C-alpha atoms as a PDB file:
ATOM      1  CA  MET A   1     -22.819  -3.454  19.535  1.00  0.00           C
ATOM      2  CA  PHE A   2     -22.187  -1.591  16.578  1.00  0.00           C
ATOM      3  CA  GLN A   3     -23.426   2.058  16.022  1.00  0.00           C
ATOM      4  CA  ASN A   4     -23.793   3.257  12.134  1.00  0.00           C
ATOM      5  CA  ARG A   5     -21.479   6.741  11.739  1.00  0.00           C
ATOM      6  CA  LYS A   6     -22.089   9.156   8.677  1.00  0.00           C
ATOM      7  CA  ILE A   7     -18.740  10.852   8.104  1.00  0.00           C
ATOM      8  CA  ILE A   8     -19.689  14.608   6.207  1.00  0.00           C
ATOM      9  CA  SER A   9     -16.558  16.579   4.966  1.00  0.00           C
ATOM     10  CA  ARG A  10     -15.887  19.101   2.153  1.00  0.00           C
ATOM     11  CA  SER A  11     -12.249  17.332   1.537  1.00  0.00           C
ATOM     12  CA  TYR A  12     -12.888  13.480   1.598  1.00  0.00           C
ATOM     13  CA  GLU A  13     -13.334  11.780  -1.586  1.00  0.00           C
ATOM     14  CA  HIS A  14     -14.450   8.267  -2.199  1.00  0.00           C
ATOM     15  CA  PRO A  15     -11.064   6.483  -2.597  1.00  0.00           C
ATOM     16  CA  LYS A  16     -11.026   3.704  -5.332  1.00  0.00           C
ATOM     17  CA  SER A  17     -10.683   1.109  -2.897  1.00  0.00           C
ATOM     18  CA  PHE A  18      -9.632   1.505   1.056  1.00  0.00           C
ATOM     19  CA  LEU A  19      -8.316  -0.930   4.311  1.00  0.00           C
ATOM     20  CA  TYR A  20      -9.183  -0.772   7.953  1.00  0.00           C
ATOM     21  CA  LEU A  21      -6.996  -0.480  10.271  1.00  0.00           C
ATOM     22  CA  PHE A  22      -8.491  -2.071  13.196  1.00  0.00           C
ATOM     23  CA  LYS A  23      -5.902  -0.826  15.896  1.00  0.00           C
ATOM     24  CA  THR A  24      -6.339   2.824  15.246  1.00  0.00           C
ATOM     25  CA  CYS A  25      -9.373   3.210  13.916  1.00  0.00           C
ATOM     26  CA  LYS A  26      -8.195   4.575  10.938  1.00  0.00           C
ATOM     27  CA  LEU A  27      -9.105   4.435   7.117  1.00  0.00           C
ATOM     28  CA  LEU A  28      -5.789   3.352   4.440  1.00  0.00           C
ATOM     29  CA  CYS A  29      -7.440   5.150   1.771  1.00  0.00           C
ATOM     30  CA  PHE A  30      -5.936   4.478  -2.167  1.00  0.00           C
ATOM     31  CA  TYR A  31      -6.942   7.703  -4.852  1.00  0.00           C
ATOM     32  CA  LYS A  32      -6.376   7.744  -7.954  1.00  0.00           C
ATOM     33  CA  ASN A  33      -2.979  10.028  -7.524  1.00  0.00           C
ATOM     34  CA  SER A  34      -2.176   9.149  -3.890  1.00  0.00           C
ATOM     35  CA  THR A  35      -2.559   7.460  -0.564  1.00  0.00           C
ATOM     36  CA  GLU A  36      -4.014   8.632   2.583  1.00  0.00           C
ATOM     37  CA  VAL A  37      -4.813   7.902   6.514  1.00  0.00           C
ATOM     38  CA  TRP A  38      -8.229   9.299   7.480  1.00  0.00           C
ATOM     39  CA  ASN A  39      -9.704   8.977  11.089  1.00  0.00           C
ATOM     40  CA  LEU A  40     -13.028   8.023  11.373  1.00  0.00           C
ATOM     41  CA  ASP A  41     -14.061  11.619  11.929  1.00  0.00           C
ATOM     42  CA  GLY A  42     -13.239  12.135   8.520  1.00  0.00           C
ATOM     43  CA  GLU A  43      -9.944  14.337   8.976  1.00  0.00           C
ATOM     44  CA  ARG A  44      -6.907  13.821   6.901  1.00  0.00           C
ATOM     45  CA  GLN A  45      -4.576  12.352   9.159  1.00  0.00           C
ATOM     46  CA  LEU A  46      -1.637  11.905   6.420  1.00  0.00           C
ATOM     47  CA  VAL A  47      -0.374  12.193   2.850  1.00  0.00           C
ATOM     48  CA  PHE A  48       1.988   9.513   1.828  1.00  0.00           C
ATOM     49  CA  GLU A  49       4.679  10.771  -0.107  1.00  0.00           C
ATOM     50  CA  ASP A  50       5.438   8.051  -2.260  1.00  0.00           C
ATOM     51  CA  ARG A  51       2.534   6.773  -3.580  1.00  0.00           C
ATOM     52  CA  ALA A  52       1.421   8.449  -6.862  1.00  0.00           C
ATOM     53  CA  GLN A  53       1.963   5.485  -9.182  1.00  0.00           C
ATOM     54  CA  ILE A  54       0.001   3.012  -6.319  1.00  0.00           C
ATOM     55  CA  VAL A  55      -0.815   0.136  -8.918  1.00  0.00           C
ATOM     56  CA  GLN A  56      -4.957  -0.187  -7.917  1.00  0.00           C
ATOM     57  CA  ALA A  57      -6.399  -3.095  -6.601  1.00  0.00           C
ATOM     58  CA  SER A  58      -5.924  -4.640  -3.528  1.00  0.00           C
ATOM     59  CA  HIS A  59      -4.534  -7.804  -3.797  1.00  0.00           C
ATOM     60  CA  CYS A  60      -1.365  -5.415  -4.852  1.00  0.00           C
ATOM     61  CA  VAL A  61      -1.820  -4.166  -1.282  1.00  0.00           C
ATOM     62  CA  THR A  62      -0.783  -5.464   2.529  1.00  0.00           C
ATOM     63  CA  VAL A  63      -0.132  -4.400   5.084  1.00  0.00           C
ATOM     64  CA  SER A  64       2.230  -5.671   8.166  1.00  0.00           C
ATOM     65  CA  LYS A  65       0.786  -7.429  11.134  1.00  0.00           C
ATOM     66  CA  ASN A  66       1.457  -4.799  13.543  1.00  0.00           C
ATOM     67  CA  GLN A  67      -0.284  -2.200  11.189  1.00  0.00           C
ATOM     68  CA  GLN A  68       3.289   0.167  11.119  1.00  0.00           C
ATOM     69  CA  TYR A  69       4.121  -0.712   7.747  1.00  0.00           C
ATOM     70  CA  VAL A  70       2.223  -0.781   4.080  1.00  0.00           C
ATOM     71  CA  VAL A  71       3.693  -2.834   1.592  1.00  0.00           C
ATOM     72  CA  SER A  72       2.252  -2.263  -2.402  1.00  0.00           C
ATOM     73  CA  VAL A  73       2.715  -2.398  -5.139  1.00  0.00           C
ATOM     74  CA  CYS A  74       4.331   0.521  -7.573  1.00  0.00           C
ATOM     75  CA  LYS A  75       4.556   1.859 -10.980  1.00  0.00           C
ATOM     76  CA  ASP A  76       8.274   3.569 -10.631  1.00  0.00           C
ATOM     77  CA  GLU A  77       9.195   5.670 -13.127  1.00  0.00           C
ATOM     78  CA  ASP A  78      12.202   5.772 -11.328  1.00  0.00           C
ATOM     79  CA  ASN A  79      12.500   2.284 -11.474  1.00  0.00           C
ATOM     80  CA  LEU A  80      16.182   0.977 -12.974  1.00  0.00           C
ATOM     81  CA  PHE A  81      14.063  -1.660 -15.301  1.00  0.00           C
ATOM     82  CA  GLY A  82      12.327   1.079 -18.147  1.00  0.00           C
ATOM     83  CA  SER A  83       9.043   2.444 -17.087  1.00  0.00           C
ATOM     84  CA  GLU A  84       6.751  -0.896 -17.753  1.00  0.00           C
ATOM     85  CA  ALA A  85       8.511  -2.510 -14.088  1.00  0.00           C
ATOM     86  CA  THR A  86       6.546  -2.431 -10.482  1.00  0.00           C
ATOM     87  CA  ALA A  87       8.705  -2.124  -7.425  1.00  0.00           C
ATOM     88  CA  ILE A  88       7.338  -2.620  -4.421  1.00  0.00           C
ATOM     89  CA  HIS A  89       7.147   0.148  -2.163  1.00  0.00           C
ATOM     90  CA  ILE A  90       7.761  -0.430   2.416  1.00  0.00           C
ATOM     91  CA  SER A  91       6.583   2.242   4.215  1.00  0.00           C
ATOM     92  CA  ASN A  92       5.160   3.626   7.118  1.00  0.00           C
ATOM     93  CA  ILE A  93       1.974   3.944   7.921  1.00  0.00           C
ATOM     94  CA  ARG A  94       2.560   7.067  10.526  1.00  0.00           C
ATOM     95  CA  THR A  95       4.998   8.886   8.793  1.00  0.00           C
ATOM     96  CA  GLY A  96       3.709   8.258   5.382  1.00  0.00           C
ATOM     97  CA  LYS A  97       7.506   7.575   4.304  1.00  0.00           C
ATOM     98  CA  CYS A  98       8.811   4.856   1.960  1.00  0.00           C
ATOM     99  CA  VAL A  99      11.356   3.120   4.753  1.00  0.00           C
ATOM    100  CA  SER A 100      12.446   0.553   1.765  1.00  0.00           C
ATOM    101  CA  ARG A 101      11.374   0.037  -2.119  1.00  0.00           C
ATOM    102  CA  ILE A 102      12.719  -3.185  -3.811  1.00  0.00           C
ATOM    103  CA  GLU A 103      12.948  -3.062  -7.770  1.00  0.00           C
ATOM    104  CA  SER A 104      14.026  -6.617  -9.882  1.00  0.00           C
ATOM    105  CA  ALA A 105      13.726  -6.129 -13.771  1.00  0.00           C
ATOM    106  CA  GLU A 106      11.666  -9.847 -12.668  1.00  0.00           C
ATOM    107  CA  LEU A 107       8.483  -7.683 -10.961  1.00  0.00           C
ATOM    108  CA  PHE A 108       6.504  -6.790 -14.376  1.00  0.00           C
ATOM    109  CA  ASP A 109       2.914  -8.913 -13.980  1.00  0.00           C
ATOM    110  CA  VAL A 110       2.581  -9.252 -10.452  1.00  0.00           C
ATOM    111  CA  THR A 111      -0.455 -10.843  -9.075  1.00  0.00           C
ATOM    112  CA  CYS A 112      -0.709 -10.963  -5.501  1.00  0.00           C
ATOM    113  CA  ILE A 113       2.398  -9.621  -2.179  1.00  0.00           C
ATOM    114  CA  GLY A 114       2.074 -10.713   1.281  1.00  0.00           C
ATOM    115  CA  TYR A 115       4.849 -10.135   3.559  1.00  0.00           C
ATOM    116  CA  ASP A 116       6.301 -11.779   6.353  1.00  0.00           C
ATOM    117  CA  ASP A 117       6.703 -10.021   9.599  1.00  0.00           C
ATOM    118  CA  ASP A 118       8.437 -12.277  11.894  1.00  0.00           C
ATOM    119  CA  ASP A 119      11.275 -13.162   8.988  1.00  0.00           C
ATOM    120  CA  CYS A 120      10.880  -9.638   7.249  1.00  0.00           C
ATOM    121  CA  TYR A 121      10.592 -11.214   3.293  1.00  0.00           C
ATOM    122  CA  VAL A 122       7.924 -10.058   0.926  1.00  0.00           C
ATOM    123  CA  CYS A 123       6.900 -12.701  -1.479  1.00  0.00           C
ATOM    124  CA  VAL A 124       4.852 -11.777  -4.310  1.00  0.00           C
ATOM    125  CA  GLY A 125       3.726 -13.819  -6.844  1.00  0.00           C
ATOM    126  CA  ASP A 126       2.853 -13.245 -10.992  1.00  0.00           C
ATOM    127  CA  GLU A 127       0.729 -14.087 -14.302  1.00  0.00           C
ATOM    128  CA  GLU A 128       3.371 -16.797 -15.006  1.00  0.00           C
ATOM    129  CA  GLY A 129       2.765 -18.838 -11.935  1.00  0.00           C
ATOM    130  CA  LYS A 130       6.576 -17.709  -9.952  1.00  0.00           C
ATOM    131  CA  ILE A 131       6.487 -16.849  -6.393  1.00  0.00           C
ATOM    132  CA  HIS A 132       9.483 -14.977  -5.544  1.00  0.00           C
ATOM    133  CA  LEU A 133      11.018 -14.033  -2.681  1.00  0.00           C
ATOM    134  CA  PHE A 134      12.933 -10.570  -1.369  1.00  0.00           C
ATOM    135  CA  GLY A 135      13.946 -10.454   2.220  1.00  0.00           C
ATOM    136  CA  HIS A 136      17.453  -9.351   4.935  1.00  0.00           C
END
């Protein structure tokens, strides 16, 4: 049976979007300048170190099956290909640290992203209908 729960927290602001992490019963919240993890009691658990420029669209973020990693498209000022280029960041949800980063001259107008846990590759679609695969 579901229980309606009201979160009362003075430090909690409404995120632009969020993903519910059902394995840990936490919320992965995306704000204008940060990404944070909150528990269902309204307590902030973690602030990601590298999410200031995340693209604010749910189709540009995915979570691994084991809910250990978040894979997202970020506008990246430090990108080798210029300020309009994007980068793919793979971050650990438990620590908030970026564990891998993908940069490519082809990543400008990303429309969707996927992550395959089994084969460890990232699949990215763009506005031109191209699909890019990145892996090891």
